[in-house]
Amino acid sequence: MGVEVCVKAAVGHPDTLGDCPFSQRVLLTLEEKKVPYEMKLIDVQNKPDWFLKISPEGKVPVFNGGDGKWIPDSDVITQVIEEKYPTPSLVTPPEYASVGSKIFSCFTTFLKSKDPNDGSEKALLTELQALEEHLKAHGPFINGQNISAADLSLAPKLYHLQVALEHFKGWKIPENLTNVHAYTEALFSRESFIKTKAAKEHLIAGWAPKVNA
């Protein structure tokens, strides 16, 4: 039995890779480590019985390293992959592990916000500015020259941020955050990212019900 990973299928397109940033993080980790795997697409609106047996909460991603044990949670899965396939190392030094970690929650709050004065845009800008300062001092990646786990966690979230905010709010990352722009370009142009990202229209379709709620 080989490595298997269950990930979200696109909304309304059960045979196409969907827009889950946590699923993409696991796929990116496998791609960067050149680990062969079988990807199973899960229609989260119509979850098959076999999937609910291995993931009773119905959450993706879930990962099987070839021993028949299914593991949920992208934090745990990426740790397991790192231990099992240590080369190339994607370990982020502990002092950098939380860089950019608040960006996604600030982005979702701002994306869903209906009140322009609630401070959600400012909170997101503060987090992006902090990332800018870190990259300026330590870049091009979070841990310098080599890509690491922190980048693979952040990359899908920045992609969601970029696509969803431009579509729903006409908002873009400010141009003066030059290191953040260079960083997203470097991440999004990697072969591993191009291979594992959701199409923009599927990402937008994934967010639409949450934005319009």
N, C-alpha and C. Protein backbone atom coordinates (compact mmCIF):
# COMPACT_ATOMS: atom_id res chain seq x y z
N MET A 1 0.83 -1.21 0.00
CA MET A 1 0.00 0.00 0.00
C MET A 1 0.87 1.26 0.00
N GLY A 2 0.54 2.18 -0.87
CA GLY A 2 1.32 3.41 -0.93
C GLY A 2 0.69 4.52 -0.11
N VAL A 3 1.26 5.70 -0.27
CA VAL A 3 0.76 6.89 0.44
C VAL A 3 -0.54 7.35 -0.23
N GLU A 4 -1.54 7.61 0.58
CA GLU A 4 -2.82 8.11 0.06
C GLU A 4 -3.21 9.36 0.85
N VAL A 5 -3.84 10.28 0.16
CA VAL A 5 -4.31 11.48 0.85
C VAL A 5 -5.68 11.87 0.29
N CYS A 6 -6.63 12.09 1.20
CA CYS A 6 -7.97 12.53 0.82
C CYS A 6 -8.04 14.05 0.93
N VAL A 7 -8.44 14.69 -0.15
CA VAL A 7 -8.51 16.15 -0.19
C VAL A 7 -9.86 16.60 -0.74
N LYS A 8 -10.15 17.88 -0.57
CA LYS A 8 -11.44 18.42 -1.01
C LYS A 8 -11.53 18.52 -2.53
N ALA A 9 -12.65 18.06 -3.06
CA ALA A 9 -12.94 18.27 -4.48
C ALA A 9 -13.59 19.64 -4.65
N ALA A 10 -13.53 20.16 -5.87
CA ALA A 10 -14.13 21.47 -6.14
C ALA A 10 -15.65 21.41 -5.99
N VAL A 11 -16.22 22.51 -5.50
CA VAL A 11 -17.68 22.59 -5.32
C VAL A 11 -18.36 22.40 -6.68
N GLY A 12 -19.22 21.39 -6.76
CA GLY A 12 -19.94 21.13 -8.01
C GLY A 12 -19.12 20.42 -9.07
N HIS A 13 -17.85 20.13 -8.76
CA HIS A 13 -16.97 19.42 -9.72
C HIS A 13 -16.21 18.33 -8.97
N PRO A 14 -16.88 17.19 -8.70
CA PRO A 14 -16.28 16.18 -7.83
C PRO A 14 -15.01 15.54 -8.37
N ASP A 15 -14.72 15.74 -9.65
CA ASP A 15 -13.51 15.13 -10.22
C ASP A 15 -12.36 16.12 -10.35
N THR A 16 -12.53 17.31 -9.77
CA THR A 16 -11.50 18.36 -9.90
C THR A 16 -11.01 18.75 -8.50
N LEU A 17 -9.72 19.02 -8.40
CA LEU A 17 -9.13 19.42 -7.12
C LEU A 17 -9.78 20.70 -6.61
N GLY A 18 -10.14 20.70 -5.33
CA GLY A 18 -10.85 21.83 -4.74
C GLY A 18 -9.95 22.83 -4.03
N ASP A 19 -10.61 23.70 -3.26
CA ASP A 19 -9.94 24.93 -2.78
C ASP A 19 -9.58 24.89 -1.30
N CYS A 20 -9.27 23.73 -0.74
CA CYS A 20 -8.95 23.68 0.69
C CYS A 20 -7.46 23.97 0.91
N PRO A 21 -7.12 25.08 1.61
CA PRO A 21 -5.70 25.42 1.78
C PRO A 21 -4.95 24.41 2.65
N PHE A 22 -5.68 23.71 3.51
CA PHE A 22 -5.03 22.72 4.39
C PHE A 22 -4.72 21.45 3.60
N SER A 23 -5.63 21.10 2.67
CA SER A 23 -5.34 19.98 1.77
C SER A 23 -4.13 20.32 0.89
N GLN A 24 -4.11 21.53 0.36
CA GLN A 24 -2.99 21.91 -0.51
C GLN A 24 -1.66 21.88 0.24
N ARG A 25 -1.69 22.29 1.50
CA ARG A 25 -0.46 22.27 2.30
C ARG A 25 0.15 20.85 2.35
N VAL A 26 -0.71 19.85 2.54
CA VAL A 26 -0.24 18.46 2.59
C VAL A 26 0.30 18.03 1.23
N LEU A 27 -0.43 18.37 0.17
CA LEU A 27 0.02 18.02 -1.19
C LEU A 27 1.36 18.70 -1.51
N LEU A 28 1.50 19.96 -1.11
CA LEU A 28 2.76 20.69 -1.34
C LEU A 28 3.93 20.00 -0.64
N THR A 29 3.67 19.55 0.59
CA THR A 29 4.73 18.88 1.35
C THR A 29 5.17 17.60 0.65
N LEU A 30 4.20 16.83 0.17
CA LEU A 30 4.53 15.59 -0.56
C LEU A 30 5.28 15.90 -1.86
N GLU A 31 4.82 16.93 -2.58
CA GLU A 31 5.47 17.31 -3.84
C GLU A 31 6.90 17.79 -3.62
N GLU A 32 7.10 18.64 -2.61
CA GLU A 32 8.44 19.18 -2.36
C GLU A 32 9.42 18.07 -1.94
N LYS A 33 8.89 17.04 -1.30
CA LYS A 33 9.73 15.92 -0.88
C LYS A 33 9.77 14.80 -1.93
N LYS A 34 9.06 15.01 -3.04
CA LYS A 34 9.04 14.03 -4.14
C LYS A 34 8.55 12.65 -3.68
N VAL A 35 7.55 12.67 -2.80
CA VAL A 35 6.96 11.41 -2.33
C VAL A 35 5.80 11.05 -3.25
N PRO A 36 5.81 9.86 -3.87
CA PRO A 36 4.67 9.47 -4.71
C PRO A 36 3.43 9.23 -3.84
N TYR A 37 2.29 9.66 -4.32
CA TYR A 37 1.06 9.50 -3.53
C TYR A 37 -0.14 9.35 -4.44
N GLU A 38 -1.21 8.79 -3.87
CA GLU A 38 -2.48 8.72 -4.59
C GLU A 38 -3.43 9.71 -3.94
N MET A 39 -4.00 10.58 -4.76
CA MET A 39 -4.90 11.61 -4.27
C MET A 39 -6.35 11.17 -4.47
N LYS A 40 -7.12 11.20 -3.40
CA LYS A 40 -8.54 10.86 -3.50
C LYS A 40 -9.35 12.14 -3.27
N LEU A 41 -10.17 12.50 -4.25
CA LEU A 41 -10.97 13.72 -4.15
C LEU A 41 -12.29 13.43 -3.43
N ILE A 42 -12.58 14.26 -2.43
CA ILE A 42 -13.80 14.06 -1.63
C ILE A 42 -14.78 15.19 -1.90
N ASP A 43 -15.98 14.81 -2.34
CA ASP A 43 -17.06 15.80 -2.51
C ASP A 43 -17.61 16.07 -1.11
N VAL A 44 -17.23 17.22 -0.54
CA VAL A 44 -17.57 17.47 0.87
C VAL A 44 -19.07 17.70 1.09
N GLN A 45 -19.81 17.93 -0.02
CA GLN A 45 -21.26 18.08 0.14
C GLN A 45 -21.97 16.73 0.03
N ASN A 46 -21.22 15.73 -0.38
CA ASN A 46 -21.82 14.40 -0.55
C ASN A 46 -20.75 13.37 -0.22
N LYS A 47 -20.40 13.32 1.08
CA LYS A 47 -19.25 12.50 1.49
C LYS A 47 -19.57 11.01 1.39
N PRO A 48 -18.71 10.26 0.72
CA PRO A 48 -18.96 8.82 0.61
C PRO A 48 -18.81 8.11 1.95
N ASP A 49 -19.52 6.99 2.10
CA ASP A 49 -19.50 6.24 3.37
C ASP A 49 -18.10 5.78 3.75
N TRP A 50 -17.35 5.31 2.75
CA TRP A 50 -15.99 4.80 3.07
C TRP A 50 -15.14 5.91 3.68
N PHE A 51 -15.37 7.15 3.21
CA PHE A 51 -14.60 8.28 3.73
C PHE A 51 -14.99 8.59 5.18
N LEU A 52 -16.29 8.55 5.47
CA LEU A 52 -16.75 8.83 6.84
C LEU A 52 -16.27 7.77 7.83
N LYS A 53 -15.98 6.57 7.32
CA LYS A 53 -15.41 5.52 8.19
C LYS A 53 -13.99 5.88 8.61
N ILE A 54 -13.21 6.48 7.69
CA ILE A 54 -11.81 6.81 8.02
C ILE A 54 -11.69 8.22 8.61
N SER A 55 -12.70 9.05 8.36
CA SER A 55 -12.69 10.41 8.91
C SER A 55 -14.08 10.71 9.48
N PRO A 56 -14.37 10.19 10.68
CA PRO A 56 -15.73 10.31 11.23
C PRO A 56 -16.25 11.74 11.32
N GLU A 57 -15.34 12.70 11.49
CA GLU A 57 -15.79 14.10 11.54
C GLU A 57 -16.03 14.66 10.13
N GLY A 58 -15.65 13.88 9.13
CA GLY A 58 -15.89 14.30 7.75
C GLY A 58 -14.95 15.38 7.26
N LYS A 59 -13.80 15.51 7.95
CA LYS A 59 -12.88 16.60 7.59
C LYS A 59 -11.76 16.12 6.67
N VAL A 60 -11.35 17.02 5.76
CA VAL A 60 -10.17 16.79 4.94
C VAL A 60 -9.11 17.81 5.37
N PRO A 61 -7.83 17.53 5.17
CA PRO A 61 -7.28 16.31 4.58
C PRO A 61 -7.15 15.19 5.62
N VAL A 62 -7.15 13.95 5.12
CA VAL A 62 -6.71 12.82 5.93
C VAL A 62 -5.66 12.08 5.11
N PHE A 63 -4.71 11.48 5.83
CA PHE A 63 -3.49 10.95 5.21
C PHE A 63 -3.23 9.54 5.70
N ASN A 64 -2.82 8.68 4.77
CA ASN A 64 -2.44 7.31 5.10
C ASN A 64 -1.03 7.09 4.54
N GLY A 65 -0.08 6.87 5.45
CA GLY A 65 1.32 6.73 5.04
C GLY A 65 1.68 5.38 4.47
N GLY A 66 0.67 4.53 4.23
CA GLY A 66 0.97 3.22 3.65
C GLY A 66 0.80 2.10 4.64
N ASP A 67 0.48 2.46 5.90
CA ASP A 67 0.32 1.43 6.94
C ASP A 67 -1.16 1.19 7.26
N GLY A 68 -2.04 1.83 6.47
CA GLY A 68 -3.47 1.63 6.68
C GLY A 68 -4.08 2.52 7.76
N LYS A 69 -3.24 3.29 8.47
CA LYS A 69 -3.75 4.19 9.52
C LYS A 69 -4.02 5.56 8.90
N TRP A 70 -5.23 6.06 9.08
CA TRP A 70 -5.59 7.37 8.53
C TRP A 70 -5.41 8.45 9.59
N ILE A 71 -4.72 9.52 9.22
CA ILE A 71 -4.39 10.60 10.16
C ILE A 71 -5.05 11.88 9.68
N PRO A 72 -5.82 12.58 10.56
CA PRO A 72 -6.38 13.88 10.19
C PRO A 72 -5.45 15.01 10.62
N ASP A 73 -5.80 16.24 10.22
CA ASP A 73 -5.15 17.48 10.68
C ASP A 73 -3.83 17.74 9.96
N SER A 74 -3.82 18.82 9.17
CA SER A 74 -2.63 19.12 8.34
C SER A 74 -1.38 19.36 9.19
N ASP A 75 -1.52 19.89 10.41
CA ASP A 75 -0.36 20.09 11.29
C ASP A 75 0.30 18.74 11.60
N VAL A 76 -0.54 17.77 11.96
CA VAL A 76 -0.04 16.45 12.34
C VAL A 76 0.49 15.72 11.09
N ILE A 77 -0.27 15.79 10.01
CA ILE A 77 0.12 15.08 8.78
C ILE A 77 1.49 15.54 8.29
N THR A 78 1.69 16.87 8.23
CA THR A 78 2.97 17.37 7.69
C THR A 78 4.13 16.98 8.60
N GLN A 79 3.87 16.90 9.91
CA GLN A 79 4.89 16.45 10.86
C GLN A 79 5.27 14.98 10.60
N VAL A 80 4.24 14.16 10.38
CA VAL A 80 4.45 12.73 10.09
C VAL A 80 5.26 12.56 8.80
N ILE A 81 4.91 13.34 7.78
CA ILE A 81 5.64 13.26 6.49
C ILE A 81 7.10 13.66 6.71
N GLU A 82 7.31 14.72 7.48
CA GLU A 82 8.68 15.19 7.75
C GLU A 82 9.52 14.10 8.43
N GLU A 83 8.91 13.42 9.39
CA GLU A 83 9.64 12.38 10.12
C GLU A 83 9.93 11.17 9.24
N LYS A 84 8.97 10.83 8.40
CA LYS A 84 9.10 9.63 7.57
C LYS A 84 10.01 9.88 6.35
N TYR A 85 9.96 11.11 5.84
CA TYR A 85 10.77 11.47 4.65
C TYR A 85 11.58 12.72 4.99
N PRO A 86 12.69 12.56 5.75
CA PRO A 86 13.40 13.75 6.25
C PRO A 86 14.16 14.55 5.20
N THR A 87 14.31 14.00 3.98
CA THR A 87 15.07 14.72 2.95
C THR A 87 14.19 15.08 1.77
N PRO A 88 14.23 16.31 1.26
CA PRO A 88 14.92 17.46 1.86
C PRO A 88 14.18 17.92 3.11
N SER A 89 14.92 18.44 4.07
CA SER A 89 14.30 18.90 5.31
C SER A 89 13.44 20.14 5.05
N LEU A 90 12.24 20.11 5.62
CA LEU A 90 11.35 21.29 5.54
C LEU A 90 11.13 21.87 6.93
N VAL A 91 11.99 21.49 7.88
CA VAL A 91 11.83 21.96 9.26
C VAL A 91 12.04 23.47 9.34
N THR A 92 11.08 24.15 9.96
CA THR A 92 11.22 25.59 10.21
C THR A 92 11.76 25.76 11.63
N PRO A 93 12.78 26.60 11.82
CA PRO A 93 13.26 26.82 13.20
C PRO A 93 12.12 27.32 14.09
N PRO A 94 12.09 26.86 15.35
CA PRO A 94 10.98 27.22 16.24
C PRO A 94 10.72 28.73 16.31
N GLU A 95 11.78 29.53 16.26
CA GLU A 95 11.57 30.98 16.41
C GLU A 95 10.87 31.60 15.20
N TYR A 96 10.84 30.88 14.06
CA TYR A 96 10.16 31.39 12.86
C TYR A 96 8.85 30.66 12.58
N ALA A 97 8.54 29.66 13.38
CA ALA A 97 7.41 28.78 13.06
C ALA A 97 6.07 29.52 13.01
N SER A 98 5.94 30.62 13.78
CA SER A 98 4.64 31.30 13.81
C SER A 98 4.57 32.52 12.89
N VAL A 99 5.62 32.74 12.08
CA VAL A 99 5.60 33.89 11.16
C VAL A 99 4.42 33.76 10.20
N GLY A 100 3.62 34.81 10.13
CA GLY A 100 2.47 34.82 9.21
C GLY A 100 1.28 34.01 9.68
N SER A 101 1.36 33.47 10.90
CA SER A 101 0.31 32.52 11.33
C SER A 101 -1.05 33.17 11.57
N LYS A 102 -1.09 34.50 11.74
CA LYS A 102 -2.39 35.15 11.99
C LYS A 102 -3.02 35.71 10.71
N ILE A 103 -2.28 35.62 9.61
CA ILE A 103 -2.76 36.25 8.37
C ILE A 103 -4.09 35.65 7.91
N PHE A 104 -4.21 34.32 7.96
CA PHE A 104 -5.41 33.68 7.41
C PHE A 104 -6.66 34.07 8.19
N SER A 105 -6.58 34.08 9.53
CA SER A 105 -7.78 34.44 10.31
C SER A 105 -8.14 35.92 10.09
N CYS A 106 -7.12 36.77 9.96
CA CYS A 106 -7.40 38.20 9.68
C CYS A 106 -8.02 38.37 8.30
N PHE A 107 -7.54 37.59 7.35
CA PHE A 107 -8.09 37.64 5.99
C PHE A 107 -9.56 37.22 5.97
N THR A 108 -9.89 36.10 6.64
CA THR A 108 -11.28 35.63 6.60
C THR A 108 -12.22 36.62 7.29
N THR A 109 -11.76 37.23 8.39
CA THR A 109 -12.58 38.23 9.08
C THR A 109 -12.85 39.42 8.17
N PHE A 110 -11.80 39.90 7.49
CA PHE A 110 -11.94 41.04 6.58
C PHE A 110 -12.82 40.68 5.38
N LEU A 111 -12.60 39.49 4.84
CA LEU A 111 -13.37 39.05 3.66
C LEU A 111 -14.87 39.03 3.96
N LYS A 112 -15.24 38.53 5.14
CA LYS A 112 -16.67 38.40 5.49
C LYS A 112 -17.26 39.69 6.06
N SER A 113 -16.40 40.67 6.36
CA SER A 113 -16.86 41.89 7.02
C SER A 113 -17.75 42.74 6.11
N LYS A 114 -18.83 43.24 6.71
CA LYS A 114 -19.72 44.13 5.96
C LYS A 114 -19.53 45.58 6.40
N ASP A 115 -18.70 45.77 7.43
CA ASP A 115 -18.51 47.11 8.00
C ASP A 115 -17.09 47.60 7.73
N PRO A 116 -16.94 48.63 6.86
CA PRO A 116 -15.60 49.10 6.51
C PRO A 116 -14.83 49.72 7.68
N ASN A 117 -15.52 50.02 8.76
CA ASN A 117 -14.85 50.67 9.90
C ASN A 117 -14.63 49.74 11.09
N ASP A 118 -14.71 48.42 10.87
CA ASP A 118 -14.61 47.50 12.02
C ASP A 118 -13.16 47.13 12.36
N GLY A 119 -12.20 47.69 11.63
CA GLY A 119 -10.80 47.43 11.95
C GLY A 119 -10.24 46.15 11.34
N SER A 120 -11.07 45.39 10.60
CA SER A 120 -10.59 44.11 10.07
C SER A 120 -9.55 44.30 8.95
N GLU A 121 -9.71 45.36 8.17
CA GLU A 121 -8.70 45.62 7.12
C GLU A 121 -7.37 46.02 7.76
N LYS A 122 -7.44 46.88 8.76
CA LYS A 122 -6.23 47.34 9.44
C LYS A 122 -5.49 46.15 10.09
N ALA A 123 -6.26 45.23 10.70
CA ALA A 123 -5.66 44.06 11.35
C ALA A 123 -4.90 43.21 10.32
N LEU A 124 -5.50 43.04 9.14
CA LEU A 124 -4.83 42.27 8.08
C LEU A 124 -3.57 42.98 7.61
N LEU A 125 -3.66 44.29 7.42
CA LEU A 125 -2.49 45.06 6.97
C LEU A 125 -1.35 44.99 7.99
N THR A 126 -1.70 44.99 9.27
CA THR A 126 -0.69 44.88 10.33
C THR A 126 0.07 43.55 10.21
N GLU A 127 -0.68 42.48 9.97
CA GLU A 127 -0.05 41.15 9.84
C GLU A 127 0.80 41.05 8.57
N LEU A 128 0.31 41.63 7.48
CA LEU A 128 1.09 41.61 6.23
C LEU A 128 2.36 42.45 6.38
N GLN A 129 2.25 43.55 7.09
CA GLN A 129 3.41 44.41 7.35
C GLN A 129 4.46 43.65 8.17
N ALA A 130 4.00 42.88 9.16
CA ALA A 130 4.92 42.08 9.98
C ALA A 130 5.63 41.03 9.13
N LEU A 131 4.90 40.43 8.20
CA LEU A 131 5.51 39.46 7.28
C LEU A 131 6.55 40.16 6.40
N GLU A 132 6.19 41.35 5.92
CA GLU A 132 7.10 42.17 5.10
C GLU A 132 8.43 42.40 5.85
N GLU A 133 8.33 42.81 7.11
CA GLU A 133 9.53 43.10 7.91
C GLU A 133 10.37 41.84 8.09
N HIS A 134 9.70 40.72 8.33
CA HIS A 134 10.44 39.47 8.54
C HIS A 134 11.18 39.06 7.26
N LEU A 135 10.48 39.14 6.13
CA LEU A 135 11.10 38.75 4.86
C LEU A 135 12.25 39.68 4.48
N LYS A 136 12.07 40.95 4.80
CA LYS A 136 13.12 41.93 4.51
C LYS A 136 14.40 41.57 5.27
N ALA A 137 14.24 41.13 6.51
CA ALA A 137 15.39 40.80 7.36
C ALA A 137 15.93 39.40 7.11
N HIS A 138 15.04 38.45 6.76
CA HIS A 138 15.46 37.04 6.74
C HIS A 138 15.17 36.33 5.43
N GLY A 139 14.54 36.99 4.45
CA GLY A 139 14.03 36.33 3.25
C GLY A 139 15.09 35.70 2.37
N PRO A 140 14.72 35.25 1.18
CA PRO A 140 13.43 35.43 0.51
C PRO A 140 12.29 34.59 1.08
N PHE A 141 12.63 33.45 1.75
CA PHE A 141 11.59 32.65 2.38
C PHE A 141 11.62 32.91 3.89
N ILE A 142 10.68 32.31 4.62
CA ILE A 142 10.59 32.57 6.06
C ILE A 142 11.90 32.18 6.77
N ASN A 143 12.49 31.09 6.30
CA ASN A 143 13.75 30.63 6.91
C ASN A 143 14.93 30.88 5.97
N GLY A 144 14.94 32.03 5.30
CA GLY A 144 16.08 32.37 4.46
C GLY A 144 15.99 31.80 3.06
N GLN A 145 17.08 31.17 2.59
CA GLN A 145 17.17 30.75 1.18
C GLN A 145 16.30 29.54 0.86
N ASN A 146 16.06 28.69 1.86
CA ASN A 146 15.37 27.43 1.58
C ASN A 146 13.92 27.46 2.04
N ILE A 147 13.08 26.88 1.21
CA ILE A 147 11.66 26.80 1.55
C ILE A 147 11.50 25.84 2.73
N SER A 148 10.54 26.14 3.60
CA SER A 148 10.31 25.27 4.76
C SER A 148 8.81 25.12 5.01
N ALA A 149 8.50 24.33 6.05
CA ALA A 149 7.10 24.02 6.35
C ALA A 149 6.24 25.27 6.55
N ALA A 150 6.82 26.30 7.15
CA ALA A 150 6.04 27.53 7.39
C ALA A 150 5.58 28.16 6.07
N ASP A 151 6.44 28.10 5.05
CA ASP A 151 6.07 28.64 3.72
C ASP A 151 4.96 27.81 3.09
N LEU A 152 5.05 26.49 3.25
CA LEU A 152 4.07 25.61 2.61
C LEU A 152 2.71 25.72 3.29
N SER A 153 2.71 26.14 4.56
CA SER A 153 1.45 26.39 5.26
C SER A 153 0.85 27.72 4.82
N LEU A 154 1.73 28.71 4.65
CA LEU A 154 1.27 30.07 4.34
C LEU A 154 0.90 30.25 2.86
N ALA A 155 1.60 29.58 1.97
CA ALA A 155 1.40 29.79 0.52
C ALA A 155 -0.05 29.62 0.08
N PRO A 156 -0.74 28.51 0.43
CA PRO A 156 -2.13 28.38 -0.01
C PRO A 156 -3.03 29.46 0.58
N LYS A 157 -2.72 29.90 1.81
CA LYS A 157 -3.54 30.91 2.47
C LYS A 157 -3.38 32.27 1.78
N LEU A 158 -2.15 32.57 1.37
CA LEU A 158 -1.91 33.83 0.65
C LEU A 158 -2.57 33.80 -0.72
N TYR A 159 -2.61 32.63 -1.32
CA TYR A 159 -3.29 32.47 -2.62
C TYR A 159 -4.79 32.73 -2.44
N HIS A 160 -5.39 32.18 -1.41
CA HIS A 160 -6.81 32.43 -1.12
C HIS A 160 -7.04 33.92 -0.88
N LEU A 161 -6.17 34.51 -0.09
CA LEU A 161 -6.27 35.93 0.22
C LEU A 161 -6.25 36.77 -1.07
N GLN A 162 -5.28 36.47 -1.91
CA GLN A 162 -5.11 37.25 -3.14
C GLN A 162 -6.32 37.14 -4.06
N VAL A 163 -6.75 35.91 -4.30
CA VAL A 163 -7.84 35.67 -5.26
C VAL A 163 -9.18 36.16 -4.69
N ALA A 164 -9.48 35.78 -3.44
CA ALA A 164 -10.80 36.09 -2.88
C ALA A 164 -10.99 37.58 -2.61
N LEU A 165 -9.97 38.25 -2.07
CA LEU A 165 -10.14 39.67 -1.77
C LEU A 165 -10.25 40.50 -3.05
N GLU A 166 -9.50 40.12 -4.06
CA GLU A 166 -9.61 40.87 -5.32
C GLU A 166 -11.00 40.67 -5.93
N HIS A 167 -11.48 39.43 -5.88
CA HIS A 167 -12.78 39.14 -6.50
C HIS A 167 -13.94 39.78 -5.73
N PHE A 168 -13.96 39.58 -4.41
CA PHE A 168 -15.13 40.02 -3.63
C PHE A 168 -15.06 41.46 -3.15
N LYS A 169 -13.84 42.00 -3.01
CA LYS A 169 -13.71 43.35 -2.46
C LYS A 169 -12.91 44.30 -3.34
N GLY A 170 -12.37 43.80 -4.46
CA GLY A 170 -11.52 44.64 -5.30
C GLY A 170 -10.28 45.11 -4.55
N TRP A 171 -9.80 44.28 -3.61
CA TRP A 171 -8.70 44.64 -2.71
C TRP A 171 -7.44 43.89 -3.09
N LYS A 172 -6.32 44.59 -3.05
CA LYS A 172 -5.04 43.94 -3.34
C LYS A 172 -4.02 44.24 -2.25
N ILE A 173 -3.04 43.35 -2.12
CA ILE A 173 -1.94 43.60 -1.18
C ILE A 173 -1.24 44.88 -1.62
N PRO A 174 -1.03 45.85 -0.72
CA PRO A 174 -0.42 47.13 -1.11
C PRO A 174 0.93 46.92 -1.81
N GLU A 175 1.16 47.76 -2.84
CA GLU A 175 2.36 47.61 -3.66
C GLU A 175 3.65 47.86 -2.89
N ASN A 176 3.55 48.67 -1.80
CA ASN A 176 4.78 48.98 -1.06
C ASN A 176 5.29 47.78 -0.24
N LEU A 177 4.48 46.72 -0.15
CA LEU A 177 4.95 45.50 0.52
C LEU A 177 5.71 44.65 -0.50
N THR A 178 6.85 45.18 -0.92
CA THR A 178 7.57 44.58 -2.06
C THR A 178 8.09 43.18 -1.75
N ASN A 179 8.50 42.95 -0.50
CA ASN A 179 9.00 41.62 -0.15
C ASN A 179 7.89 40.58 -0.13
N VAL A 180 6.69 41.00 0.31
CA VAL A 180 5.55 40.08 0.30
C VAL A 180 5.18 39.73 -1.15
N HIS A 181 5.21 40.71 -2.03
CA HIS A 181 4.91 40.44 -3.45
C HIS A 181 5.93 39.50 -4.06
N ALA A 182 7.20 39.72 -3.78
CA ALA A 182 8.25 38.85 -4.31
C ALA A 182 8.09 37.43 -3.75
N TYR A 183 7.69 37.36 -2.50
CA TYR A 183 7.50 36.08 -1.81
C TYR A 183 6.35 35.29 -2.44
N THR A 184 5.21 35.95 -2.65
CA THR A 184 4.07 35.23 -3.25
C THR A 184 4.41 34.79 -4.68
N GLU A 185 5.11 35.63 -5.41
CA GLU A 185 5.50 35.24 -6.79
C GLU A 185 6.41 34.02 -6.77
N ALA A 186 7.36 34.02 -5.84
CA ALA A 186 8.29 32.88 -5.73
C ALA A 186 7.54 31.59 -5.37
N LEU A 187 6.60 31.70 -4.45
CA LEU A 187 5.84 30.52 -4.02
C LEU A 187 4.90 30.03 -5.12
N PHE A 188 4.14 30.97 -5.69
CA PHE A 188 3.10 30.58 -6.66
C PHE A 188 3.68 30.06 -7.97
N SER A 189 4.96 30.36 -8.23
CA SER A 189 5.55 29.90 -9.50
C SER A 189 6.26 28.55 -9.35
N ARG A 190 6.31 28.03 -8.12
CA ARG A 190 6.95 26.73 -7.91
C ARG A 190 6.13 25.64 -8.58
N GLU A 191 6.81 24.65 -9.12
CA GLU A 191 6.13 23.54 -9.79
C GLU A 191 5.14 22.85 -8.85
N SER A 192 5.56 22.69 -7.58
CA SER A 192 4.69 22.01 -6.60
C SER A 192 3.39 22.79 -6.39
N PHE A 193 3.48 24.11 -6.43
CA PHE A 193 2.30 24.95 -6.19
C PHE A 193 1.36 24.90 -7.39
N ILE A 194 1.94 25.05 -8.58
CA ILE A 194 1.12 25.05 -9.81
C ILE A 194 0.35 23.73 -9.92
N LYS A 195 1.01 22.64 -9.53
CA LYS A 195 0.42 21.31 -9.65
C LYS A 195 -0.71 21.08 -8.64
N THR A 196 -0.67 21.77 -7.48
CA THR A 196 -1.60 21.45 -6.38
C THR A 196 -2.63 22.54 -6.09
N LYS A 197 -2.60 23.64 -6.84
CA LYS A 197 -3.52 24.73 -6.51
C LYS A 197 -4.89 24.52 -7.17
N ALA A 198 -5.91 25.07 -6.53
CA ALA A 198 -7.25 25.05 -7.12
C ALA A 198 -7.34 26.15 -8.17
N ALA A 199 -8.16 25.91 -9.19
CA ALA A 199 -8.41 26.97 -10.18
C ALA A 199 -9.12 28.12 -9.48
N LYS A 200 -8.85 29.35 -9.95
CA LYS A 200 -9.42 30.54 -9.29
C LYS A 200 -10.94 30.47 -9.19
N GLU A 201 -11.59 29.97 -10.25
CA GLU A 201 -13.06 29.96 -10.22
C GLU A 201 -13.59 28.99 -9.13
N HIS A 202 -12.84 27.92 -8.88
CA HIS A 202 -13.28 26.98 -7.83
C HIS A 202 -13.04 27.58 -6.44
N LEU A 203 -11.97 28.34 -6.31
CA LEU A 203 -11.69 29.02 -5.05
C LEU A 203 -12.79 30.04 -4.75
N ILE A 204 -13.15 30.81 -5.77
CA ILE A 204 -14.21 31.83 -5.60
C ILE A 204 -15.55 31.15 -5.26
N ALA A 205 -15.85 30.04 -5.94
CA ALA A 205 -17.09 29.31 -5.67
C ALA A 205 -17.09 28.75 -4.24
N GLY A 206 -15.92 28.38 -3.75
CA GLY A 206 -15.81 27.86 -2.38
C GLY A 206 -16.10 28.93 -1.34
N TRP A 207 -15.65 30.17 -1.62
CA TRP A 207 -15.83 31.26 -0.64
C TRP A 207 -17.21 31.93 -0.75
N ALA A 208 -17.81 31.89 -1.92
CA ALA A 208 -19.04 32.68 -2.17
C ALA A 208 -20.12 32.50 -1.09
N PRO A 209 -20.47 31.24 -0.69
CA PRO A 209 -21.52 31.11 0.32
C PRO A 209 -21.14 31.74 1.66
N LYS A 210 -19.85 31.73 2.00
CA LYS A 210 -19.43 32.30 3.29
C LYS A 210 -19.45 33.83 3.24
N VAL A 211 -19.07 34.36 2.08
CA VAL A 211 -19.05 35.82 1.93
C VAL A 211 -20.47 36.38 1.88
N ASN A 212 -21.35 35.63 1.21
CA ASN A 212 -22.72 36.12 1.01
C ASN A 212 -23.67 35.71 2.13
N ALA A 213 -23.13 35.07 3.15
CA ALA A 213 -23.99 34.57 4.26
C ALA A 213 -24.64 35.74 5.00
